Protein backbone atom coordinates (compact mmCIF):
# COMPACT_ATOMS: atom_id res chain seq x y z
CA MET A 1 20.95 -11.51 -28.61
CA PHE A 2 18.95 -9.54 -31.11
CA SER A 3 20.43 -6.50 -32.80
CA THR A 4 18.65 -3.51 -34.32
CA LYS A 5 20.89 -4.01 -37.38
CA GLN A 6 18.67 -6.97 -38.25
CA LEU A 7 15.67 -4.67 -38.76
CA SER A 8 14.75 -3.01 -42.04
CA GLU A 9 13.80 0.66 -42.25
CA LYS A 10 10.17 -0.40 -42.78
CA GLN A 11 10.25 -2.58 -39.63
CA ILE A 12 11.75 0.25 -37.59
CA ALA A 13 9.04 2.62 -38.83
CA THR A 14 6.37 0.04 -37.96
CA ILE A 15 7.73 -0.45 -34.44
CA SER A 16 7.86 3.35 -33.96
CA GLU A 17 4.25 3.59 -35.14
CA TRP A 18 3.14 0.90 -32.67
CA ALA A 19 4.79 2.81 -29.85
CA ALA A 20 3.14 6.05 -30.97
CA GLN A 21 -0.22 4.27 -30.86
CA GLY A 22 0.39 3.37 -27.20
CA ALA A 23 1.82 -0.14 -27.48
CA GLN A 24 3.90 -1.22 -24.50
CA LEU A 25 6.97 -3.48 -24.57
CA ALA A 26 4.99 -6.70 -24.26
CA ASP A 27 2.72 -5.59 -27.13
CA ILE A 28 5.67 -4.73 -29.33
CA GLN A 29 7.34 -8.06 -28.56
CA LEU A 30 4.16 -9.97 -29.41
CA ARG A 31 3.58 -8.06 -32.64
CA MET A 32 7.21 -8.50 -33.70
CA ARG A 33 6.78 -12.25 -33.21
CA GLN A 34 3.40 -12.48 -34.93
CA GLU A 35 3.55 -9.86 -37.68
CA MET A 36 7.28 -9.76 -38.45
CA GLU A 37 8.03 -13.38 -37.51
CA ILE A 38 10.98 -12.27 -35.39
CA PRO A 39 11.47 -14.47 -32.30
CA ILE A 40 12.55 -11.91 -29.73
CA THR A 41 12.74 -11.90 -25.95
CA TYR A 42 11.20 -9.23 -23.77
CA MET A 43 14.66 -8.01 -22.74
CA ASP A 44 15.79 -7.77 -26.37
CA THR A 45 12.59 -5.85 -27.17
CA ARG A 46 13.54 -3.44 -24.43
CA PHE A 47 17.02 -2.98 -25.91
CA VAL A 48 15.59 -2.47 -29.41
CA VAL A 49 13.29 0.28 -28.18
CA LEU A 50 16.18 1.93 -26.32
CA ASP A 51 18.60 1.59 -29.24
CA LEU A 52 16.08 3.10 -31.66
CA GLY A 53 15.32 5.96 -29.28
CA ILE A 54 11.62 5.13 -29.24
CA THR A 55 9.65 6.70 -26.41
CA LEU A 56 6.80 4.62 -25.10
CA ILE A 57 3.62 6.34 -24.01
CA GLU A 58 3.16 5.81 -20.31
CA GLU A 59 0.06 3.94 -19.30
CA LYS A 60 -2.54 6.13 -17.72
CA THR A 61 -2.53 5.82 -13.99
CA GLU A 62 -5.43 6.55 -11.75
CA GLU A 63 -5.66 10.03 -10.38
CA PRO A 64 -4.39 10.14 -6.81
CA LEU A 65 -7.12 10.57 -4.27
CA PRO A 66 -7.29 14.04 -2.82
CA GLU A 67 -5.79 14.33 0.61
CA ILE A 68 -8.39 14.51 3.30
CA GLU A 69 -7.69 16.92 6.07
CA LEU A 70 -8.44 15.25 9.35
CA SER A 71 -10.02 17.42 11.93
CA PRO A 72 -8.22 17.54 15.25
CA PRO A 73 -9.42 14.98 17.79
CA THR A 74 -12.48 16.04 19.71
CA PRO A 75 -12.01 15.77 23.45
CA THR A 76 -14.85 13.85 25.07
CA GLY A 77 -13.58 13.98 28.63
CA LYS A 78 -13.89 10.20 28.79
CA THR A 79 -11.65 7.29 27.87
CA THR A 80 -13.33 4.50 25.88
CA VAL A 81 -11.95 1.05 25.12
CA THR A 82 -13.25 -1.40 22.50
CA MET A 83 -12.16 -4.93 21.55
CA ASP A 84 -11.66 -6.21 18.01
CA SER A 85 -13.65 -9.27 16.94
CA LEU A 86 -10.43 -10.64 15.38
CA ALA A 87 -7.18 -10.04 17.24
CA ILE A 88 -4.18 -8.44 15.57
CA PRO A 89 -1.70 -11.19 14.52
CA GLY A 90 0.70 -11.99 17.35
CA SER A 91 -1.75 -11.02 20.07
CA VAL A 92 -4.36 -12.80 22.14
CA VAL A 93 -6.76 -9.82 22.09
CA SER A 94 -6.61 -6.35 20.62
CA GLY A 95 -8.74 -3.28 20.17
CA LYS A 96 -8.96 0.46 20.06
CA VAL A 97 -8.87 3.19 22.69
CA VAL A 98 -9.95 6.82 22.57
CA PHE A 99 -8.58 8.93 25.41
CA SER A 100 -10.36 11.82 27.10
CA ASP A 101 -8.45 14.38 25.00
CA GLY A 102 -9.70 12.76 21.77
CA GLU A 103 -6.43 11.06 20.82
CA SER A 104 -6.75 7.40 19.88
CA GLY A 105 -4.68 4.31 19.33
CA LEU A 106 -4.53 0.55 19.13
CA TRP A 107 -3.90 -1.76 22.06
CA LYS A 108 -3.12 -5.46 22.30
CA LEU A 109 -2.22 -8.15 24.81
CA ASP A 110 0.41 -10.68 23.81
CA GLN A 111 0.53 -14.37 24.76
CA THR A 112 2.22 -13.57 28.08
CA GLY A 113 -0.44 -11.01 29.01
CA ARG A 114 1.74 -7.95 28.40
CA PRO A 115 -0.24 -4.98 27.12
CA SER A 116 1.04 -2.64 24.44
CA LEU A 117 -0.36 0.62 23.18
CA ASP A 118 0.25 2.13 19.73
CA PRO A 119 -1.11 5.70 19.61
CA ASN A 120 -2.17 7.08 16.22
CA LYS A 121 -0.21 10.28 16.85
CA PRO A 122 3.57 9.71 17.09
CA ASP A 123 5.10 10.53 20.48
CA TYR A 124 1.66 10.88 22.09
CA GLN A 125 1.62 10.28 25.85
CA PRO A 126 -1.81 9.89 27.48
CA SER A 127 -2.27 11.49 30.86
CA ARG A 128 -1.83 9.40 34.00
CA GLU A 129 -5.59 9.56 34.62
CA ASP A 130 -6.29 8.32 31.09
CA ILE A 131 -3.88 5.40 31.55
CA MET A 132 -5.57 4.43 34.80
CA GLU A 133 -9.02 4.64 33.18
CA PHE A 134 -7.75 2.65 30.16
CA GLN A 135 -6.40 -0.11 32.42
CA GLN A 136 -9.64 -0.31 34.40
CA GLN A 137 -11.82 -0.46 31.29
CA LEU A 138 -9.50 -2.97 29.63
CA ARG A 139 -9.60 -5.26 32.66
CA ALA A 140 -13.41 -5.04 32.82
CA LEU A 141 -13.73 -5.65 29.07
CA ILE A 142 -11.50 -8.73 29.17
CA GLU A 143 -13.25 -10.12 32.24
CA SER A 144 -16.65 -9.66 30.59
CA THR A 145 -15.54 -11.77 27.59
CA GLY A 146 -14.30 -14.61 29.81
CA LEU A 147 -10.69 -14.60 28.64
């Protein structure tokens, strides 16, 4: 284990300068090995920086994308069902549905033929009429593909 007591005042000042210039732990470790000829592990480099009270400059992160306000679903008065070209893993077929009130979700059929529906809005319950229309369109869509 490496100790900060093994460093000279000049070496400590150099390490502090590297950190002030934006060097990260891996950079400091590499430069200590190459320029100071001190074989040091990454973990020991971390302890040295902590023991010396050196603050590393955080790497710049990308600005977060602005939140997009989604407009409320537009009711179309009609339920539409589409099928994905590639099924969701764990399903035989899958797709999307948009109900007459504009709410949408994902559907899939598993290997036993059981359908499941995952609405985009939590706790959403489509109307009875929409469920009936969804089932009819789903049946017709599956029959038309020959599954």
